[in-house]
Protein backbone atom coordinates (compact mmCIF):
# COMPACT_ATOMS: atom_id res chain seq x y z
CA UNK A 1 151.65 41.21 103.50
CA UNK A 2 151.73 38.59 106.30
CA UNK A 3 150.57 35.40 106.32
CA UNK A 4 149.88 32.92 109.12
CA UNK A 5 150.17 29.23 108.00
CA UNK A 6 149.46 26.05 110.54
CA UNK A 7 152.69 24.30 109.75
CA UNK A 8 151.32 21.68 111.78
CA UNK A 9 147.76 21.00 110.24
CA UNK A 10 146.82 17.95 107.68
CA UNK A 11 147.74 14.81 107.45
CA UNK A 12 151.35 15.72 106.07
CA UNK A 13 152.32 18.70 107.89
CA UNK A 14 155.69 20.46 108.23
CA UNK A 15 156.80 17.94 105.30
CA UNK A 16 154.13 19.56 103.02
CA UNK A 17 154.06 22.76 104.17
CA UNK A 18 157.85 24.05 104.28
CA UNK A 19 158.74 23.08 100.80
CA UNK A 20 155.02 24.80 99.47
CA UNK A 21 155.98 28.32 101.84
CA UNK A 22 159.45 28.27 100.52
CA UNK A 23 157.58 27.78 96.70
CA UNK A 24 154.99 30.70 97.13
CA UNK A 25 157.52 32.75 98.91
CA UNK A 26 159.97 32.35 95.33
CA UNK A 27 157.17 33.71 93.53
CA UNK A 28 156.05 36.35 95.58
CA UNK A 29 159.07 38.78 96.80
CA UNK A 30 156.36 41.02 98.99
CA UNK A 31 154.77 38.27 100.95
CA UNK A 32 155.98 37.11 104.74
CA UNK A 33 154.80 33.75 106.24
CA UNK A 34 154.76 33.25 109.79
CA UNK A 35 154.99 29.19 110.04
CA UNK A 36 153.01 28.18 113.50
CA UNK A 37 153.96 24.89 115.28
CA UNK A 38 156.46 23.43 117.22
CA UNK A 39 159.72 25.35 116.65
CA UNK A 40 162.39 22.08 116.87
CA UNK A 41 160.06 20.19 114.01
CA UNK A 42 160.18 23.21 111.70
CA UNK A 43 163.81 23.85 112.16
CA UNK A 44 164.67 20.78 111.22
CA UNK A 45 162.52 20.87 107.88
CA UNK A 46 163.96 24.08 106.67
CA UNK A 47 167.34 23.26 108.01
CA UNK A 48 168.35 21.89 104.18
CA UNK A 49 166.67 24.92 102.76
CA UNK A 50 168.24 28.28 101.77
CA UNK A 51 165.79 31.18 102.34
CA UNK A 52 165.48 34.21 103.97
CA UNK A 53 164.86 34.78 107.86
CA UNK A 54 162.97 37.62 107.86
CA UNK A 55 160.48 36.58 105.32
CA UNK A 56 159.51 33.08 106.76
CA UNK A 57 159.54 32.83 110.79
CA UNK A 58 158.53 30.43 113.46
CA UNK A 59 155.80 31.29 115.73
CA UNK A 60 156.09 28.34 118.73
CA UNK A 61 153.05 26.30 119.74
CA UNK A 62 152.84 23.67 121.84
CA UNK A 63 149.66 21.89 120.67
CA UNK A 64 148.30 20.13 117.39
CA UNK A 65 144.63 19.85 116.31
CA UNK A 66 144.31 15.97 115.11
CA UNK A 67 142.29 15.46 112.25
CA UNK A 68 139.55 13.24 114.30
CA UNK A 69 139.68 15.55 117.16
CA UNK A 70 136.03 16.74 118.10
CA UNK A 71 135.87 20.39 117.12
CA UNK A 72 134.11 21.45 120.10
CA UNK A 73 137.06 19.28 122.56
CA UNK A 74 139.88 21.43 120.09
CA UNK A 75 138.06 24.43 120.66
CA UNK A 76 138.15 24.17 124.49
CA UNK A 77 141.01 22.25 125.38
CA UNK A 78 143.91 23.53 122.34
CA UNK A 79 144.17 27.06 122.97
CA UNK A 80 148.13 26.67 122.30
CA UNK A 81 147.46 24.83 118.78
CA UNK A 82 149.22 25.73 116.00
CA UNK A 83 145.79 26.53 114.45
CA UNK A 84 144.63 28.58 117.31
CA UNK A 85 147.81 30.30 117.48
CA UNK A 86 147.44 31.00 113.62
CA UNK A 87 144.11 32.05 113.79
CA UNK A 88 144.92 34.59 117.03
CA UNK A 89 147.27 36.28 114.59
CA UNK A 90 144.71 37.18 112.03
CA UNK A 91 142.55 38.21 115.06
CA UNK A 92 145.52 40.49 116.27
CA UNK A 93 146.57 41.89 113.28
CA UNK A 94 149.83 40.54 113.19
CA UNK A 95 148.71 38.62 110.08
CA UNK A 96 146.13 39.36 107.17
CA UNK A 97 144.94 35.85 106.54
CA UNK A 98 145.62 32.33 107.93
CA UNK A 99 146.15 28.98 105.73
CA UNK A 100 145.26 25.71 107.41
CA UNK A 101 145.17 21.92 106.30
CA UNK A 102 143.64 21.33 109.87
CA UNK A 103 140.45 19.69 110.87
CA UNK A 104 137.47 21.08 109.15
CA UNK A 105 135.10 21.50 112.05
CA UNK A 106 137.94 22.49 114.45
CA UNK A 107 139.14 25.16 111.78
CA UNK A 108 135.59 26.17 111.24
CA UNK A 109 135.04 26.38 115.11
CA UNK A 110 138.03 28.33 116.20
CA UNK A 111 138.05 30.57 113.19
CA UNK A 112 134.50 31.62 114.15
CA UNK A 113 135.01 31.77 117.92
CA UNK A 114 138.16 33.88 117.54
CA UNK A 115 137.50 35.91 114.67
CA UNK A 116 133.79 36.33 114.60
CA UNK A 117 131.33 37.03 111.39
CA UNK A 118 130.47 39.75 109.44
CA UNK A 119 127.57 42.10 110.40
CA UNK A 120 125.21 40.64 108.65
CA UNK A 121 126.05 37.38 108.48
CA UNK A 122 124.83 34.49 110.59
CA UNK A 123 126.99 32.03 109.66
CA UNK A 124 130.03 31.34 108.08
CA UNK A 125 130.63 29.15 104.63
CA UNK A 126 133.01 27.00 102.84
CA UNK A 127 133.42 28.13 99.37
CA UNK A 128 135.41 26.81 96.70
CA UNK A 129 136.73 26.59 92.91
CA UNK A 130 135.33 24.20 90.58
CA UNK A 131 136.77 23.90 86.33
CA UNK A 132 134.16 23.87 83.80
CA UNK A 133 133.95 22.77 80.51
CA UNK A 134 134.52 26.65 79.44
CA UNK A 135 138.73 26.52 80.04
CA UNK A 136 138.10 30.13 80.35
CA UNK A 137 135.88 30.03 82.88
CA UNK A 138 135.57 28.57 86.70
CA UNK A 139 132.61 28.11 89.02
CA UNK A 140 132.92 28.31 93.15
CA UNK A 141 129.88 26.87 95.46
CA UNK A 142 128.93 27.33 98.70
CA UNK A 143 128.50 25.58 101.26
CA UNK A 144 130.51 22.58 100.87
CA UNK A 145 129.93 21.39 104.01
CA UNK A 146 129.82 24.11 107.43
CA UNK A 147 126.65 24.16 107.63
CA UNK A 148 123.88 21.32 107.47
CA UNK A 149 120.67 22.77 108.72
CA UNK A 150 120.63 25.99 106.78
CA UNK A 151 117.39 28.04 106.66
CA UNK A 152 116.62 30.36 103.22
CA UNK A 153 118.21 33.76 105.01
CA UNK A 154 121.35 31.24 105.49
CA UNK A 155 121.22 30.35 102.05
CA UNK A 156 120.77 34.37 100.71
CA UNK A 157 123.31 35.24 102.54
CA UNK A 158 125.88 32.20 101.33
CA UNK A 159 124.76 33.90 97.52
CA UNK A 160 125.49 37.23 98.31
CA UNK A 161 129.19 36.20 99.66
CA UNK A 162 129.18 34.12 96.44
CA UNK A 163 128.56 36.54 94.11
CA UNK A 164 130.82 39.12 96.00
CA UNK A 165 133.60 36.34 95.76
CA UNK A 166 133.28 35.68 92.48
CA UNK A 167 133.11 39.28 91.00
CA UNK A 168 136.17 40.48 92.76
CA UNK A 169 138.68 36.99 92.57
CA UNK A 170 137.31 35.68 89.33
CA UNK A 171 136.99 39.35 87.23
CA UNK A 172 133.20 38.52 86.51
CA UNK A 173 131.27 41.85 86.18
CA UNK A 174 127.81 40.39 87.19
CA UNK A 175 128.22 36.52 88.80
CA UNK A 176 125.27 33.90 87.35
CA UNK A 177 124.20 32.31 90.74
CA UNK A 178 122.07 29.56 90.73
CA UNK A 179 120.48 27.56 93.03
CA UNK A 180 121.27 23.62 93.10
CA UNK A 181 117.99 21.41 92.74
CA UNK A 182 116.79 18.36 91.54
CA UNK A 183 114.91 20.20 88.59
CA UNK A 184 115.07 23.15 86.96
CA UNK A 185 110.94 23.10 86.70
CA UNK A 186 109.35 25.65 90.20
CA UNK A 187 107.42 23.28 91.38
CA UNK A 188 110.45 20.89 91.85
CA UNK A 189 112.67 20.92 94.95
CA UNK A 190 112.06 21.37 98.87
CA UNK A 191 110.72 24.19 101.00
CA UNK A 192 114.18 25.38 101.84
CA UNK A 193 114.82 25.14 98.27
CA UNK A 194 111.36 26.85 97.28
CA UNK A 195 111.86 29.97 99.90
CA UNK A 196 115.25 30.68 99.24
CA UNK A 197 114.59 31.05 95.29
CA UNK A 198 111.98 33.71 95.85
CA UNK A 199 114.39 35.10 98.48
CA UNK A 200 116.98 35.11 95.64
CA UNK A 201 114.60 36.09 92.64
CA UNK A 202 114.34 39.67 94.74
CA UNK A 203 117.69 39.79 96.47
CA UNK A 204 119.51 42.33 93.63
CA UNK A 205 122.07 39.91 92.80
CA UNK A 206 121.81 38.46 89.28
CA UNK A 207 120.03 35.04 90.00
CA UNK A 208 119.43 33.08 87.03
CA UNK A 209 116.71 30.04 88.53
CA UNK A 210 117.45 26.87 89.22
CA UNK A 211 120.57 24.37 87.99
CA UNK A 212 120.79 20.42 88.15
CA UNK A 213 123.65 18.54 89.33
CA UNK A 214 124.50 17.22 86.09
CA UNK A 215 124.82 20.94 84.41
CA UNK A 216 127.64 21.95 87.32
CA UNK A 217 130.58 21.77 84.85
CA UNK A 218 128.74 23.15 81.96
CA UNK A 219 129.75 26.56 83.00
CA UNK A 220 126.40 28.66 82.75
CA UNK A 221 127.14 29.08 86.69
CA UNK A 222 129.34 31.48 88.35
CA UNK A 223 128.48 30.92 91.73
CA UNK A 224 126.22 27.50 92.54
CA UNK A 225 124.12 27.92 96.10
CA UNK A 226 123.16 24.86 98.10
CA UNK A 227 123.15 23.76 101.94
CA UNK A 228 125.94 22.33 103.35
CA UNK A 229 125.08 18.49 103.51
CA UNK A 230 123.70 18.71 99.57
CA UNK A 231 127.22 20.57 98.82
CA UNK A 232 128.96 18.41 101.00
CA UNK A 233 127.99 15.40 99.27
CA UNK A 234 128.00 16.80 95.53
CA UNK A 235 131.81 18.19 96.63
CA UNK A 236 132.91 14.37 97.64
CA UNK A 237 130.77 12.43 94.50
CA UNK A 238 132.85 14.90 92.01
CA UNK A 239 136.65 14.07 93.83
CA UNK A 240 135.19 10.25 93.63
CA UNK A 241 134.25 10.44 89.92
CA UNK A 242 137.38 12.52 88.98
CA UNK A 243 139.41 10.07 90.34
CA UNK A 244 137.32 6.46 88.93
CA UNK A 245 138.09 8.50 85.66
CA UNK A 246 141.50 8.86 86.39
CA UNK A 247 141.89 5.00 86.92
CA UNK A 248 140.05 4.25 84.31
CA UNK A 249 141.95 5.94 81.74
CA UNK A 250 145.29 4.72 83.37
CA UNK A 251 144.23 0.93 83.11
CA UNK A 252 142.81 1.22 79.60
CA UNK A 253 146.63 2.34 78.52
CA UNK A 254 148.52 -0.16 80.39
CA UNK A 255 146.30 -3.05 78.94
CA UNK A 256 149.03 -4.37 76.50
CA UNK A 257 151.85 -2.82 74.03
CA UNK A 258 149.43 -1.44 71.55
CA UNK A 259 147.28 0.60 74.37
CA UNK A 260 150.81 1.86 75.55
CA UNK A 261 152.05 2.97 72.06
CA UNK A 262 148.79 4.87 72.03
CA UNK A 263 149.06 6.18 75.40
CA UNK A 264 152.38 7.70 74.14
CA UNK A 265 150.91 9.40 70.93
CA UNK A 266 147.57 10.66 73.42
CA UNK A 267 149.81 12.38 75.63
CA UNK A 268 149.40 15.89 74.78
CA UNK A 269 145.82 15.14 74.79
CA UNK A 270 146.13 13.62 78.36
CA UNK A 271 148.19 16.20 79.63
CA UNK A 272 145.90 18.31 78.62
CA UNK A 273 143.01 16.82 80.74
CA UNK A 274 145.07 16.17 83.26
CA UNK A 275 145.98 19.39 83.89
CA UNK A 276 142.37 20.80 83.58
CA UNK A 277 140.88 18.53 85.98
CA UNK A 278 144.07 18.77 88.62
CA UNK A 279 142.91 19.02 91.96
CA UNK A 280 145.71 20.17 93.06
CA UNK A 281 144.88 23.49 90.78
CA UNK A 282 141.83 24.71 92.84
CA UNK A 283 142.64 23.47 96.46
CA UNK A 284 141.97 26.29 99.02
CA UNK A 285 138.73 26.90 100.39
CA UNK A 286 137.50 30.15 101.59
CA UNK A 287 135.85 30.07 105.20
CA UNK A 288 133.73 33.20 103.91
CA UNK A 289 131.85 35.56 105.88
CA UNK A 290 134.13 35.62 108.96
CA UNK A 291 136.20 39.20 110.21
CA UNK A 292 139.34 37.85 108.68
CA UNK A 293 140.57 35.53 105.81
CA UNK A 294 140.77 31.80 106.80
CA UNK A 295 141.68 29.40 103.52
CA UNK A 296 141.38 25.88 104.31
CA UNK A 297 143.47 23.16 102.36
CA UNK A 298 142.75 19.80 101.94
CA UNK A 299 144.23 17.72 104.47
CA UNK A 300 145.91 15.50 102.34
CA UNK A 301 147.74 18.19 100.37
CA UNK A 302 151.17 18.00 98.52
CA UNK A 303 153.18 20.77 98.32
CA UNK A 304 151.79 22.16 94.78
CA UNK A 305 148.55 21.87 96.33
CA UNK A 306 149.08 23.70 99.60
CA UNK A 307 151.38 26.27 97.76
CA UNK A 308 147.86 26.93 95.45
CA UNK A 309 145.56 27.59 99.16
CA UNK A 310 148.63 30.25 100.10
CA UNK A 311 148.40 31.80 96.29
CA UNK A 312 144.39 31.83 97.39
CA UNK A 313 144.48 33.28 100.56
CA UNK A 314 146.95 36.20 99.13
CA UNK A 315 144.37 37.25 96.33
CA UNK A 316 141.90 37.43 99.08
CA UNK A 317 143.65 39.91 101.00
CA UNK A 318 144.21 41.64 97.62
CA UNK A 319 141.07 42.16 96.95
CA UNK A 320 140.04 43.17 100.39
CA UNK A 321 137.23 40.17 100.26
CA UNK A 322 135.89 40.92 103.89
CA UNK A 323 135.13 44.15 103.37
CA UNK A 324 133.81 43.87 99.94
CA UNK A 325 131.17 41.41 101.43
CA UNK A 326 130.00 43.47 104.19
CA UNK A 327 129.40 46.57 102.07
CA UNK A 328 127.09 43.95 99.70
CA UNK A 329 125.27 42.76 102.80
CA UNK A 330 124.52 46.29 103.89
CA UNK A 331 123.17 47.27 100.42
CA UNK A 332 121.39 43.99 99.80
CA UNK A 333 120.43 42.46 102.99
CA UNK A 334 119.81 44.90 105.30
CA UNK A 335 117.09 46.51 103.30
CA UNK A 336 115.63 42.70 103.59
CA UNK A 337 115.85 42.61 106.95
CA UNK A 338 112.35 42.43 109.16
CA UNK A 339 114.57 44.99 111.80
């Protein structure tokens, strides 16, 4: 299995990508990685490490997409960027997936331009995993920011794709799909939500109705659907609250010698909490709906988190997610098409 990695993307670039790649290679003996980026810089990063040169190779590129760069400009002017070359490798069949921590807008625009969307899918979406109160159950939410002006038909497509991903990757037999809304009553919500709910109710997927934001982490839904504007706000709010809670807990335990002693006694509980809420465990969002697998890592991800993004790509390749989505779209959405 060969995966292309945008080695120059993200806030930390090769200093994170190289150790993360070596970590994943040690775990998966069938894996080969192509690190795309500046050859000299990547050689310098690899030099201190012992590695199999047949399983980790460098593909030189002369450009890099900056984190604050316009997606349109990156698409037009950065044709030899590490991001573009990595995606091209998927298009050419050299690699079966691409992983990048680079500029999200540029990654989405480039991937959509190069790989195109699956038949029956108008727009790709960003989907990621969230923990829930049930330690044995995660939840996936989409769209998390790729589309801020979605139609009911787009949200229906997102729901189908999310259901397929949850079933294949999370091994959920009949994923429960909910629509994010400001209330659970039928009269609540804007026209987009109401029209989408009507479509989902007759779609053939396991649609269980509306869900409010305060129930996102209760474990009652396997897939939560929303437009990209709402989803991105929910994502950033979640990240902010998680960081806020961690900061408050640290301050509370460091107040004096007594609270420090209590922190030692509570260490097993704290370790369990940190593990359950560790964002590194959930790093790696899928740009779902494309004719190829593209995984987006958080821009500021450290090695452990970036390694998890590569592992997400491995699972999606093994489960053949694009083909599964294509079949489900053919089954569920084609009968609903006005044509």
